[in-house]
Amino acid sequence: MPKFGFKNINRVEYTAVNLDTLEKLASEHQIKQIDPAVLAAHGLVGKKDLVKVLGRGELKSALEVKAHAFSEKAKAAVEACGGSVTTIA
């Protein structure tokens, strides 16, 4: 018998972006405001993807980050560097 199970139709799929990726993007291109459009322009996410910022890596510059979701560690790291976090609905 083949196995099958429950598939949640209400699941929200996010594309993960880590802090080290944001730091690399900001330092290479001198960007201070990062949002999903900037990430899509640099090929890190798709145009219609939902973006979630995760806390892997270290952030050294103050950035204004806009995304659909943030982990607690990522939010704390961005605010600790003097940046701001905005959640997009």
PDB file of N, CA and C in Angstrom:
ATOM      1  N   MET A   1       0.835  -1.178   0.000  1.00  0.00           N
ATOM      2  CA  MET A   1       0.000   0.000   0.000  1.00  0.00           C
ATOM      3  C   MET A   1       0.883   1.247   0.000  1.00  0.00           C
ATOM      4  N   PRO A   2       0.616   2.182  -0.875  1.00  0.00           N
ATOM      5  CA  PRO A   2       1.383   3.424  -0.865  1.00  0.00           C
ATOM      6  C   PRO A   2       1.005   4.276   0.339  1.00  0.00           C
ATOM      7  N   LYS A   3       1.973   5.034   0.802  1.00  0.00           N
ATOM      8  CA  LYS A   3       1.725   5.919   1.939  1.00  0.00           C
ATOM      9  C   LYS A   3       1.264   7.276   1.434  1.00  0.00           C
ATOM     10  N   PHE A   4       0.319   7.815   2.116  1.00  0.00           N
ATOM     11  CA  PHE A   4      -0.132   9.166   1.827  1.00  0.00           C
ATOM     12  C   PHE A   4      -0.575   9.776   3.133  1.00  0.00           C
ATOM     13  N   GLY A   5      -0.649  11.099   3.135  1.00  0.00           N
ATOM     14  CA  GLY A   5      -0.981  11.749   4.394  1.00  0.00           C
ATOM     15  C   GLY A   5      -1.630  13.085   4.177  1.00  0.00           C
ATOM     16  N   PHE A   6      -1.614  13.834   5.219  1.00  0.00           N
ATOM     17  CA  PHE A   6      -2.268  15.130   5.240  1.00  0.00           C
ATOM     18  C   PHE A   6      -1.381  16.179   4.582  1.00  0.00           C
ATOM     19  N   LYS A   7      -1.941  16.969   3.696  1.00  0.00           N
ATOM     20  CA  LYS A   7      -1.234  18.106   3.108  1.00  0.00           C
ATOM     21  C   LYS A   7      -2.037  19.361   3.457  1.00  0.00           C
ATOM     22  N   ASN A   8      -1.428  20.236   4.229  1.00  0.00           N
ATOM     23  CA  ASN A   8      -2.095  21.443   4.697  1.00  0.00           C
ATOM     24  C   ASN A   8      -2.249  22.434   3.546  1.00  0.00           C
ATOM     25  N   ILE A   9      -3.476  22.729   3.172  1.00  0.00           N
ATOM     26  CA  ILE A   9      -3.720  23.647   2.063  1.00  0.00           C
ATOM     27  C   ILE A   9      -3.545  25.103   2.473  1.00  0.00           C
ATOM     28  N   ASN A  10      -3.450  25.371   3.769  1.00  0.00           N
ATOM     29  CA  ASN A  10      -3.292  26.735   4.275  1.00  0.00           C
ATOM     30  C   ASN A  10      -1.847  27.087   4.604  1.00  0.00           C
ATOM     31  N   ARG A  11      -0.909  26.192   4.298  1.00  0.00           N
ATOM     32  CA  ARG A  11       0.499  26.425   4.607  1.00  0.00           C
ATOM     33  C   ARG A  11       1.029  27.600   3.783  1.00  0.00           C
ATOM     34  N   VAL A  12       1.819  28.440   4.430  1.00  0.00           N
ATOM     35  CA  VAL A  12       2.431  29.587   3.757  1.00  0.00           C
ATOM     36  C   VAL A  12       3.900  29.251   3.526  1.00  0.00           C
ATOM     37  N   GLU A  13       4.336  29.287   2.270  1.00  0.00           N
ATOM     38  CA  GLU A  13       5.721  28.989   1.910  1.00  0.00           C
ATOM     39  C   GLU A  13       6.516  30.291   1.816  1.00  0.00           C
ATOM     40  N   TYR A  14       7.584  30.385   2.599  1.00  0.00           N
ATOM     41  CA  TYR A  14       8.460  31.545   2.576  1.00  0.00           C
ATOM     42  C   TYR A  14       9.791  31.180   1.928  1.00  0.00           C
ATOM     43  N   THR A  15      10.418  32.148   1.291  1.00  0.00           N
ATOM     44  CA  THR A  15      11.783  31.996   0.807  1.00  0.00           C
ATOM     45  C   THR A  15      12.687  32.605   1.868  1.00  0.00           C
ATOM     46  N   ALA A  16      13.628  31.811   2.368  1.00  0.00           N
ATOM     47  CA  ALA A  16      14.485  32.243   3.468  1.00  0.00           C
ATOM     48  C   ALA A  16      15.680  33.038   2.959  1.00  0.00           C
ATOM     49  N   VAL A  17      15.960  34.145   3.648  1.00  0.00           N
ATOM     50  CA  VAL A  17      17.144  34.957   3.394  1.00  0.00           C
ATOM     51  C   VAL A  17      17.801  35.189   4.747  1.00  0.00           C
ATOM     52  N   ASN A  18      19.098  34.900   4.847  1.00  0.00           N
ATOM     53  CA  ASN A  18      19.801  35.028   6.116  1.00  0.00           C
ATOM     54  C   ASN A  18      20.496  36.373   6.248  1.00  0.00           C
ATOM     55  N   LEU A  19      20.895  36.702   7.474  1.00  0.00           N
ATOM     56  CA  LEU A  19      21.547  37.977   7.751  1.00  0.00           C
ATOM     57  C   LEU A  19      22.864  38.123   7.006  1.00  0.00           C
ATOM     58  N   ASP A  20      23.626  37.026   6.861  1.00  0.00           N
ATOM     59  CA  ASP A  20      24.897  37.122   6.147  1.00  0.00           C
ATOM     60  C   ASP A  20      24.688  37.488   4.678  1.00  0.00           C
ATOM     61  N   THR A  21      23.593  37.043   4.089  1.00  0.00           N
ATOM     62  CA  THR A  21      23.267  37.410   2.710  1.00  0.00           C
ATOM     63  C   THR A  21      22.913  38.890   2.611  1.00  0.00           C
ATOM     64  N   LEU A  22      22.161  39.394   3.584  1.00  0.00           N
ATOM     65  CA  LEU A  22      21.815  40.819   3.604  1.00  0.00           C
ATOM     66  C   LEU A  22      23.053  41.689   3.775  1.00  0.00           C
ATOM     67  N   GLU A  23      23.971  41.262   4.648  1.00  0.00           N
ATOM     68  CA  GLU A  23      25.206  42.017   4.880  1.00  0.00           C
ATOM     69  C   GLU A  23      26.065  42.050   3.619  1.00  0.00           C
ATOM     70  N   LYS A  24      26.156  40.930   2.936  1.00  0.00           N
ATOM     71  CA  LYS A  24      26.941  40.864   1.696  1.00  0.00           C
ATOM     72  C   LYS A  24      26.330  41.773   0.626  1.00  0.00           C
ATOM     73  N   LEU A  25      25.014  41.730   0.495  1.00  0.00           N
ATOM     74  CA  LEU A  25      24.315  42.574  -0.477  1.00  0.00           C
ATOM     75  C   LEU A  25      24.509  44.055  -0.159  1.00  0.00           C
ATOM     76  N   ALA A  26      24.402  44.418   1.111  1.00  0.00           N
ATOM     77  CA  ALA A  26      24.536  45.817   1.522  1.00  0.00           C
ATOM     78  C   ALA A  26      25.964  46.323   1.321  1.00  0.00           C
ATOM     79  N   SER A  27      26.955  45.501   1.612  1.00  0.00           N
ATOM     80  CA  SER A  27      28.341  45.958   1.493  1.00  0.00           C
ATOM     81  C   SER A  27      28.804  46.020   0.039  1.00  0.00           C
ATOM     82  N   GLU A  28      28.355  45.102  -0.797  1.00  0.00           N
ATOM     83  CA  GLU A  28      28.791  45.098  -2.197  1.00  0.00           C
ATOM     84  C   GLU A  28      28.120  46.188  -3.026  1.00  0.00           C
ATOM     85  N   HIS A  29      26.849  46.480  -2.742  1.00  0.00           N
ATOM     86  CA  HIS A  29      26.095  47.414  -3.571  1.00  0.00           C
ATOM     87  C   HIS A  29      25.733  48.711  -2.853  1.00  0.00           C
ATOM     88  N   GLN A  30      26.256  48.932  -1.638  1.00  0.00           N
ATOM     89  CA  GLN A  30      25.997  50.131  -0.841  1.00  0.00           C
ATOM     90  C   GLN A  30      24.496  50.414  -0.733  1.00  0.00           C
ATOM     91  N   ILE A  31      23.758  49.404  -0.303  1.00  0.00           N
ATOM     92  CA  ILE A  31      22.309  49.510  -0.146  1.00  0.00           C
ATOM     93  C   ILE A  31      21.984  49.658   1.339  1.00  0.00           C
ATOM     94  N   LYS A  32      21.120  50.593   1.682  1.00  0.00           N
ATOM     95  CA  LYS A  32      20.703  50.796   3.072  1.00  0.00           C
ATOM     96  C   LYS A  32      19.273  50.331   3.307  1.00  0.00           C
ATOM     97  N   GLN A  33      18.456  50.248   2.250  1.00  0.00           N
ATOM     98  CA  GLN A  33      17.076  49.786   2.373  1.00  0.00           C
ATOM     99  C   GLN A  33      16.918  48.499   1.575  1.00  0.00           C
ATOM    100  N   ILE A  34      16.515  47.445   2.259  1.00  0.00           N
ATOM    101  CA  ILE A  34      16.344  46.155   1.598  1.00  0.00           C
ATOM    102  C   ILE A  34      14.893  45.740   1.722  1.00  0.00           C
ATOM    103  N   ASP A  35      14.283  45.413   0.578  1.00  0.00           N
ATOM    104  CA  ASP A  35      12.916  44.913   0.542  1.00  0.00           C
ATOM    105  C   ASP A  35      12.855  43.795  -0.500  1.00  0.00           C
ATOM    106  N   PRO A  36      11.722  43.104  -0.626  1.00  0.00           N
ATOM    107  CA  PRO A  36      11.643  41.989  -1.586  1.00  0.00           C
ATOM    108  C   PRO A  36      11.945  42.392  -3.027  1.00  0.00           C
ATOM    109  N   ALA A  37      11.651  43.613  -3.426  1.00  0.00           N
ATOM    110  CA  ALA A  37      11.946  44.057  -4.789  1.00  0.00           C
ATOM    111  C   ALA A  37      13.455  44.134  -5.027  1.00  0.00           C
ATOM    112  N   VAL A  38      14.210  44.605  -4.033  1.00  0.00           N
ATOM    113  CA  VAL A  38      15.669  44.666  -4.145  1.00  0.00           C
ATOM    114  C   VAL A  38      16.249  43.255  -4.207  1.00  0.00           C
ATOM    115  N   LEU A  39      15.739  42.359  -3.366  1.00  0.00           N
ATOM    116  CA  LEU A  39      16.209  40.978  -3.369  1.00  0.00           C
ATOM    117  C   LEU A  39      15.909  40.294  -4.702  1.00  0.00           C
ATOM    118  N   ALA A  40      14.746  40.570  -5.272  1.00  0.00           N
ATOM    119  CA  ALA A  40      14.381  39.988  -6.562  1.00  0.00           C
ATOM    120  C   ALA A  40      15.253  40.559  -7.681  1.00  0.00           C
ATOM    121  N   ALA A  41      15.583  41.840  -7.598  1.00  0.00           N
ATOM    122  CA  ALA A  41      16.420  42.469  -8.617  1.00  0.00           C
ATOM    123  C   ALA A  41      17.829  41.876  -8.640  1.00  0.00           C
ATOM    124  N   HIS A  42      18.311  41.399  -7.494  1.00  0.00           N
ATOM    125  CA  HIS A  42      19.642  40.798  -7.408  1.00  0.00           C
ATOM    126  C   HIS A  42      19.599  39.273  -7.528  1.00  0.00           C
ATOM    127  N   GLY A  43      18.427  38.708  -7.810  1.00  0.00           N
ATOM    128  CA  GLY A  43      18.310  37.286  -8.071  1.00  0.00           C
ATOM    129  C   GLY A  43      18.296  36.384  -6.857  1.00  0.00           C
ATOM    130  N   LEU A  44      18.022  36.931  -5.677  1.00  0.00           N
ATOM    131  CA  LEU A  44      18.010  36.116  -4.460  1.00  0.00           C
ATOM    132  C   LEU A  44      16.653  35.461  -4.209  1.00  0.00           C
ATOM    133  N   VAL A  45      15.590  36.073  -4.656  1.00  0.00           N
ATOM    134  CA  VAL A  45      14.234  35.522  -4.519  1.00  0.00           C
ATOM    135  C   VAL A  45      13.478  35.803  -5.818  1.00  0.00           C
ATOM    136  N   GLY A  46      12.334  35.161  -5.968  1.00  0.00           N
ATOM    137  CA  GLY A  46      11.477  35.435  -7.109  1.00  0.00           C
ATOM    138  C   GLY A  46      10.640  36.683  -6.867  1.00  0.00           C
ATOM    139  N   LYS A  47      10.042  37.203  -7.934  1.00  0.00           N
ATOM    140  CA  LYS A  47       9.250  38.432  -7.809  1.00  0.00           C
ATOM    141  C   LYS A  47       8.057  38.273  -6.876  1.00  0.00           C
ATOM    142  N   LYS A  48       7.413  37.130  -6.916  1.00  0.00           N
ATOM    143  CA  LYS A  48       6.185  36.930  -6.138  1.00  0.00           C
ATOM    144  C   LYS A  48       6.406  36.122  -4.864  1.00  0.00           C
ATOM    145  N   ASP A  49       7.664  35.843  -4.515  1.00  0.00           N
ATOM    146  CA  ASP A  49       7.962  35.052  -3.320  1.00  0.00           C
ATOM    147  C   ASP A  49       7.705  35.854  -2.054  1.00  0.00           C
ATOM    148  N   LEU A  50       7.288  35.144  -1.013  1.00  0.00           N
ATOM    149  CA  LEU A  50       7.195  35.729   0.319  1.00  0.00           C
ATOM    150  C   LEU A  50       8.557  35.534   0.982  1.00  0.00           C
ATOM    151  N   VAL A  51       9.094  36.569   1.594  1.00  0.00           N
ATOM    152  CA  VAL A  51      10.451  36.556   2.130  1.00  0.00           C
ATOM    153  C   VAL A  51      10.411  36.499   3.649  1.00  0.00           C
ATOM    154  N   LYS A  52      11.233  35.591   4.207  1.00  0.00           N
ATOM    155  CA  LYS A  52      11.414  35.518   5.652  1.00  0.00           C
ATOM    156  C   LYS A  52      12.899  35.679   5.943  1.00  0.00           C
ATOM    157  N   VAL A  53      13.240  36.611   6.829  1.00  0.00           N
ATOM    158  CA  VAL A  53      14.626  36.861   7.194  1.00  0.00           C
ATOM    159  C   VAL A  53      14.956  35.998   8.406  1.00  0.00           C
ATOM    160  N   LEU A  54      16.033  35.218   8.272  1.00  0.00           N
ATOM    161  CA  LEU A  54      16.474  34.326   9.337  1.00  0.00           C
ATOM    162  C   LEU A  54      17.780  34.832   9.941  1.00  0.00           C
ATOM    163  N   GLY A  55      18.129  34.340  11.115  1.00  0.00           N
ATOM    164  CA  GLY A  55      19.220  34.904  11.902  1.00  0.00           C
ATOM    165  C   GLY A  55      20.595  34.314  11.724  1.00  0.00           C
ATOM    166  N   ARG A  56      20.875  33.546  10.672  1.00  0.00           N
ATOM    167  CA  ARG A  56      22.218  33.003  10.492  1.00  0.00           C
ATOM    168  C   ARG A  56      23.154  34.101   9.994  1.00  0.00           C
ATOM    169  N   GLY A  57      24.324  34.173  10.584  1.00  0.00           N
ATOM    170  CA  GLY A  57      25.305  35.165  10.161  1.00  0.00           C
ATOM    171  C   GLY A  57      25.319  36.376  11.069  1.00  0.00           C
ATOM    172  N   GLU A  58      26.113  37.359  10.664  1.00  0.00           N
ATOM    173  CA  GLU A  58      26.284  38.558  11.473  1.00  0.00           C
ATOM    174  C   GLU A  58      26.016  39.788  10.623  1.00  0.00           C
ATOM    175  N   LEU A  59      25.370  40.749  11.209  1.00  0.00           N
ATOM    176  CA  LEU A  59      25.048  41.997  10.527  1.00  0.00           C
ATOM    177  C   LEU A  59      25.892  43.104  11.146  1.00  0.00           C
ATOM    178  N   LYS A  60      26.594  43.884  10.303  1.00  0.00           N
ATOM    179  CA  LYS A  60      27.485  44.916  10.810  1.00  0.00           C
ATOM    180  C   LYS A  60      26.998  46.328  10.510  1.00  0.00           C
ATOM    181  N   SER A  61      26.132  46.477   9.515  1.00  0.00           N
ATOM    182  CA  SER A  61      25.676  47.815   9.142  1.00  0.00           C
ATOM    183  C   SER A  61      24.205  48.000   9.495  1.00  0.00           C
ATOM    184  N   ALA A  62      23.819  49.243   9.709  1.00  0.00           N
ATOM    185  CA  ALA A  62      22.432  49.562  10.039  1.00  0.00           C
ATOM    186  C   ALA A  62      21.616  49.556   8.750  1.00  0.00           C
ATOM    187  N   LEU A  63      20.645  48.669   8.667  1.00  0.00           N
ATOM    188  CA  LEU A  63      19.825  48.520   7.475  1.00  0.00           C
ATOM    189  C   LEU A  63      18.360  48.718   7.812  1.00  0.00           C
ATOM    190  N   GLU A  64      17.611  49.177   6.833  1.00  0.00           N
ATOM    191  CA  GLU A  64      16.157  49.239   6.938  1.00  0.00           C
ATOM    192  C   GLU A  64      15.624  48.056   6.127  1.00  0.00           C
ATOM    193  N   VAL A  65      15.135  47.043   6.823  1.00  0.00           N
ATOM    194  CA  VAL A  65      14.747  45.792   6.180  1.00  0.00           C
ATOM    195  C   VAL A  65      13.227  45.654   6.195  1.00  0.00           C
ATOM    196  N   LYS A  66      12.656  45.355   5.013  1.00  0.00           N
ATOM    197  CA  LYS A  66      11.227  45.089   4.888  1.00  0.00           C
ATOM    198  C   LYS A  66      11.074  43.682   4.348  1.00  0.00           C
ATOM    199  N   ALA A  67      10.280  42.863   5.047  1.00  0.00           N
ATOM    200  CA  ALA A  67      10.046  41.483   4.614  1.00  0.00           C
ATOM    201  C   ALA A  67       8.684  41.041   5.135  1.00  0.00           C
ATOM    202  N   HIS A  68       8.262  39.872   4.687  1.00  0.00           N
ATOM    203  CA  HIS A  68       6.963  39.349   5.088  1.00  0.00           C
ATOM    204  C   HIS A  68       6.994  38.710   6.474  1.00  0.00           C
ATOM    205  N   ALA A  69       8.169  38.218   6.892  1.00  0.00           N
ATOM    206  CA  ALA A  69       8.292  37.609   8.218  1.00  0.00           C
ATOM    207  C   ALA A  69       9.750  37.683   8.675  1.00  0.00           C
ATOM    208  N   PHE A  70       9.951  37.654   9.990  1.00  0.00           N
ATOM    209  CA  PHE A  70      11.283  37.696  10.587  1.00  0.00           C
ATOM    210  C   PHE A  70      11.350  36.671  11.709  1.00  0.00           C
ATOM    211  N   SER A  71      12.520  36.048  11.879  1.00  0.00           N
ATOM    212  CA  SER A  71      12.727  35.242  13.076  1.00  0.00           C
ATOM    213  C   SER A  71      13.078  36.206  14.210  1.00  0.00           C
ATOM    214  N   GLU A  72      12.924  35.752  15.436  1.00  0.00           N
ATOM    215  CA  GLU A  72      13.204  36.608  16.591  1.00  0.00           C
ATOM    216  C   GLU A  72      14.676  37.017  16.623  1.00  0.00           C
ATOM    217  N   LYS A  73      15.566  36.078  16.303  1.00  0.00           N
ATOM    218  CA  LYS A  73      17.001  36.355  16.320  1.00  0.00           C
ATOM    219  C   LYS A  73      17.364  37.392  15.257  1.00  0.00           C
ATOM    220  N   ALA A  74      16.770  37.279  14.078  1.00  0.00           N
ATOM    221  CA  ALA A  74      17.053  38.232  12.998  1.00  0.00           C
ATOM    222  C   ALA A  74      16.550  39.621  13.357  1.00  0.00           C
ATOM    223  N   LYS A  75      15.355  39.695  13.911  1.00  0.00           N
ATOM    224  CA  LYS A  75      14.794  40.987  14.306  1.00  0.00           C
ATOM    225  C   LYS A  75      15.671  41.658  15.357  1.00  0.00           C
ATOM    226  N   ALA A  76      16.123  40.892  16.340  1.00  0.00           N
ATOM    227  CA  ALA A  76      16.977  41.441  17.393  1.00  0.00           C
ATOM    228  C   ALA A  76      18.326  41.893  16.835  1.00  0.00           C
ATOM    229  N   ALA A  77      18.888  41.153  15.888  1.00  0.00           N
ATOM    230  CA  ALA A  77      20.193  41.493  15.314  1.00  0.00           C
ATOM    231  C   ALA A  77      20.120  42.774  14.486  1.00  0.00           C
ATOM    232  N   VAL A  78      19.068  42.947  13.710  1.00  0.00           N
ATOM    233  CA  VAL A  78      18.920  44.151  12.889  1.00  0.00           C
ATOM    234  C   VAL A  78      18.737  45.371  13.789  1.00  0.00           C
ATOM    235  N   GLU A  79      17.919  45.247  14.809  1.00  0.00           N
ATOM    236  CA  GLU A  79      17.675  46.373  15.714  1.00  0.00           C
ATOM    237  C   GLU A  79      18.895  46.682  16.575  1.00  0.00           C
ATOM    238  N   ALA A  80      19.718  45.663  16.889  1.00  0.00           N
ATOM    239  CA  ALA A  80      20.924  45.877  17.685  1.00  0.00           C
ATOM    240  C   ALA A  80      21.964  46.690  16.912  1.00  0.00           C
ATOM    241  N   CYS A  81      21.962  46.595  15.603  1.00  0.00           N
ATOM    242  CA  CYS A  81      22.903  47.348  14.762  1.00  0.00           C
ATOM    243  C   CYS A  81      22.404  48.754  14.462  1.00  0.00           C
ATOM    244  N   GLY A  82      21.243  49.109  14.948  1.00  0.00           N
ATOM    245  CA  GLY A  82      20.699  50.436  14.703  1.00  0.00           C
ATOM    246  C   GLY A  82      19.771  50.500  13.498  1.00  0.00           C
ATOM    247  N   GLY A  83      19.419  49.365  12.947  1.00  0.00           N
ATOM    248  CA  GLY A  83      18.519  49.313  11.805  1.00  0.00           C
ATOM    249  C   GLY A  83      17.080  49.224  12.227  1.00  0.00           C
ATOM    250  N   SER A  84      16.197  49.141  11.236  1.00  0.00           N
ATOM    251  CA  SER A  84      14.776  49.015  11.537  1.00  0.00           C
ATOM    252  C   SER A  84      14.185  47.839  10.775  1.00  0.00           C
ATOM    253  N   VAL A  85      13.128  47.278  11.355  1.00  0.00           N
ATOM    254  CA  VAL A  85      12.459  46.108  10.796  1.00  0.00           C
ATOM    255  C   VAL A  85      11.013  46.482  10.514  1.00  0.00           C
ATOM    256  N   THR A  86      10.533  46.187   9.293  1.00  0.00           N
ATOM    257  CA  THR A  86       9.150  46.435   8.925  1.00  0.00           C
ATOM    258  C   THR A  86       8.567  45.164   8.337  1.00  0.00           C
ATOM    259  N   THR A  87       7.439  44.735   8.900  1.00  0.00           N
ATOM    260  CA  THR A  87       6.769  43.544   8.399  1.00  0.00           C
ATOM    261  C   THR A  87       5.741  43.959   7.357  1.00  0.00           C
ATOM    262  N   ILE A  88       5.812  43.340   6.185  1.00  0.00           N
ATOM    263  CA  ILE A  88       4.889  43.606   5.091  1.00  0.00           C
ATOM    264  C   ILE A  88       3.706  42.667   5.222  1.00  0.00           C
ATOM    265  N   ALA A  89       2.512  43.180   5.044  1.00  0.00           N
ATOM    266  CA  ALA A  89       1.314  42.333   5.150  1.00  0.00           C
ATOM    267  C   ALA A  89       1.110  41.511   3.906  1.00  0.00           C
TER     268      ALA A  89
END
